[in-house]
Each structure stands twice: as structure tokens, then as C-alpha cells.
Amino acid sequence: MTSILMPQVVRGTRAVRRPVPQGSTVMCAGCATMVKFAAKVRRHQIIANVYVDDRWNRVEHYHPECYASAGQPHGAVRES
């Protein structure tokens, strides 16, 4: 019998830095303004998967400066 190794699933609130996609319409959880795409400026956003009681609850989006000024509420940002 063979065993298949599955990648370990990371459950828990975490934040990553990603480019803002074209057509983005999400609101920043820090300042409540839109996280906007800009063609000539490569903007980034912080995306946090939020877990409550070990279950996924929601996704929060932040401008990088809003996330920093909020004191990194979901931990250190991971680069993707």
C-alpha cells in the first residue's frame, strides 16, 4: 500500500501582499476607501484571510499603509 503525502493546510488568520488586480472593487478595511488598480503604478494590497474558531470567516483587504498603521492586525505580512 502506498501513501500519498498531502500538503499541510495552514489554517489560521494570515496576511499576504499581492498586486491589485485590474477591475478591483474591494474596500480597504482600514480606511473604508477603494483599493484601486493603476495601470502605470504597480500598486499592492494586503489580503487577510480571517479565521474565527478555526473556521474561515472572511477576507479583508487593506492598503499597505493602512495595514501598517493599524498595527498589522492579522500578523506579519507574507510575500507571495
C-alpha atoms as a PDB file:
ATOM      1  CA  MET A   1       0.000   0.000   0.000  1.00  0.00           C
ATOM      2  CA  THR A   2       1.361   3.422  -0.893  1.00  0.00           C
ATOM      3  CA  SER A   3       0.702   6.629   0.944  1.00  0.00           C
ATOM      4  CA  ILE A   4       0.231   9.981  -0.681  1.00  0.00           C
ATOM      5  CA  LEU A   5       1.647  12.975   1.083  1.00  0.00           C
ATOM      6  CA  MET A   6      -0.756  15.885   1.015  1.00  0.00           C
ATOM      7  CA  PRO A   7       0.452  19.436   1.565  1.00  0.00           C
ATOM      8  CA  GLN A   8      -0.228  20.675   5.046  1.00  0.00           C
ATOM      9  CA  VAL A   9      -3.122  23.128   5.076  1.00  0.00           C
ATOM     10  CA  VAL A  10      -2.399  26.273   7.032  1.00  0.00           C
ATOM     11  CA  ARG A  11      -5.475  27.273   8.977  1.00  0.00           C
ATOM     12  CA  GLY A  12      -5.402  30.497  10.837  1.00  0.00           C
ATOM     13  CA  THR A  13      -5.542  34.172  10.129  1.00  0.00           C
ATOM     14  CA  ARG A  14      -2.744  35.344   7.879  1.00  0.00           C
ATOM     15  CA  ALA A  15      -1.962  38.273   5.610  1.00  0.00           C
ATOM     16  CA  VAL A  16      -0.189  38.375   2.244  1.00  0.00           C
ATOM     17  CA  ARG A  17       0.943  41.158  -0.075  1.00  0.00           C
ATOM     18  CA  ARG A  18      -0.387  40.934  -3.631  1.00  0.00           C
ATOM     19  CA  PRO A  19      -0.674  43.217  -6.668  1.00  0.00           C
ATOM     20  CA  VAL A  20      -4.027  44.981  -7.042  1.00  0.00           C
ATOM     21  CA  PRO A  21      -5.814  43.259  -9.955  1.00  0.00           C
ATOM     22  CA  GLN A  22      -7.323  45.227 -12.813  1.00  0.00           C
ATOM     23  CA  GLY A  23     -11.004  45.919 -12.131  1.00  0.00           C
ATOM     24  CA  SER A  24     -10.640  45.611  -8.357  1.00  0.00           C
ATOM     25  CA  THR A  25     -13.685  46.927  -6.480  1.00  0.00           C
ATOM     26  CA  VAL A  26     -12.798  45.982  -2.906  1.00  0.00           C
ATOM     27  CA  MET A  27     -12.859  48.378   0.024  1.00  0.00           C
ATOM     28  CA  CYS A  28      -9.982  48.834   2.461  1.00  0.00           C
ATOM     29  CA  ALA A  29     -10.869  47.549   5.935  1.00  0.00           C
ATOM     30  CA  GLY A  30      -8.643  50.244   7.432  1.00  0.00           C
ATOM     31  CA  CYS A  31      -9.805  53.469   5.769  1.00  0.00           C
ATOM     32  CA  ALA A  32     -13.025  52.341   4.008  1.00  0.00           C
ATOM     33  CA  THR A  33     -11.907  53.647   0.596  1.00  0.00           C
ATOM     34  CA  MET A  34     -11.495  51.594  -2.557  1.00  0.00           C
ATOM     35  CA  VAL A  35      -8.281  49.675  -3.205  1.00  0.00           C
ATOM     36  CA  LYS A  36      -7.739  50.831  -6.800  1.00  0.00           C
ATOM     37  CA  PHE A  37      -5.771  49.451  -9.716  1.00  0.00           C
ATOM     38  CA  ALA A  38      -3.477  51.898 -11.518  1.00  0.00           C
ATOM     39  CA  ALA A  39      -2.044  50.970 -14.920  1.00  0.00           C
ATOM     40  CA  LYS A  40       1.253  52.869 -14.697  1.00  0.00           C
ATOM     41  CA  VAL A  41       1.834  52.375 -10.974  1.00  0.00           C
ATOM     42  CA  ARG A  42       2.234  48.853  -9.659  1.00  0.00           C
ATOM     43  CA  ARG A  43       0.119  49.095  -6.521  1.00  0.00           C
ATOM     44  CA  HIS A  44      -0.154  46.373  -3.934  1.00  0.00           C
ATOM     45  CA  GLN A  45      -2.716  45.388  -1.359  1.00  0.00           C
ATOM     46  CA  ILE A  46      -2.683  43.319   1.792  1.00  0.00           C
ATOM     47  CA  ILE A  47      -5.195  40.480   1.773  1.00  0.00           C
ATOM     48  CA  ALA A  48      -6.018  38.775   5.060  1.00  0.00           C
ATOM     49  CA  ASN A  49      -7.890  35.503   5.367  1.00  0.00           C
ATOM     50  CA  VAL A  50      -9.596  35.767   8.742  1.00  0.00           C
ATOM     51  CA  TYR A  51     -10.425  32.638  10.716  1.00  0.00           C
ATOM     52  CA  VAL A  52     -12.725  32.510  13.752  1.00  0.00           C
ATOM     53  CA  ASP A  53     -12.739  29.364  15.933  1.00  0.00           C
ATOM     54  CA  ASP A  54     -10.504  27.572  13.376  1.00  0.00           C
ATOM     55  CA  ARG A  55     -13.015  28.186  10.570  1.00  0.00           C
ATOM     56  CA  TRP A  56     -12.628  30.575   7.666  1.00  0.00           C
ATOM     57  CA  ASN A  57     -14.833  33.629   8.265  1.00  0.00           C
ATOM     58  CA  ARG A  58     -13.954  36.360   5.766  1.00  0.00           C
ATOM     59  CA  VAL A  59     -11.346  38.118   3.645  1.00  0.00           C
ATOM     60  CA  GLU A  60     -10.194  41.644   4.468  1.00  0.00           C
ATOM     61  CA  HIS A  61      -8.329  43.920   2.034  1.00  0.00           C
ATOM     62  CA  TYR A  62      -6.024  46.783   3.073  1.00  0.00           C
ATOM     63  CA  HIS A  63      -3.824  49.414   1.514  1.00  0.00           C
ATOM     64  CA  PRO A  64      -0.282  48.564   2.721  1.00  0.00           C
ATOM     65  CA  GLU A  65      -0.035  51.827   4.673  1.00  0.00           C
ATOM     66  CA  CYS A  66      -3.444  51.258   6.326  1.00  0.00           C
ATOM     67  CA  TYR A  67      -2.403  47.768   7.400  1.00  0.00           C
ATOM     68  CA  ALA A  68       0.818  49.112   8.912  1.00  0.00           C
ATOM     69  CA  SER A  69      -0.915  51.990  10.700  1.00  0.00           C
ATOM     70  CA  ALA A  70      -3.479  49.550  12.131  1.00  0.00           C
ATOM     71  CA  GLY A  71      -0.589  47.690  13.777  1.00  0.00           C
ATOM     72  CA  GLN A  72      -0.697  44.648  11.475  1.00  0.00           C
ATOM     73  CA  PRO A  73      -3.959  43.278  12.947  1.00  0.00           C
ATOM     74  CA  HIS A  74      -3.551  39.886  11.261  1.00  0.00           C
ATOM     75  CA  GLY A  75       0.165  39.425  11.840  1.00  0.00           C
ATOM     76  CA  ALA A  76       3.255  39.978   9.775  1.00  0.00           C
ATOM     77  CA  VAL A  77       2.694  40.195   6.027  1.00  0.00           C
ATOM     78  CA  ARG A  78       3.932  37.297   3.925  1.00  0.00           C
ATOM     79  CA  GLU A  79       5.209  37.989   0.444  1.00  0.00           C
ATOM     80  CA  SER A  80       3.598  35.905  -2.263  1.00  0.00           C
END
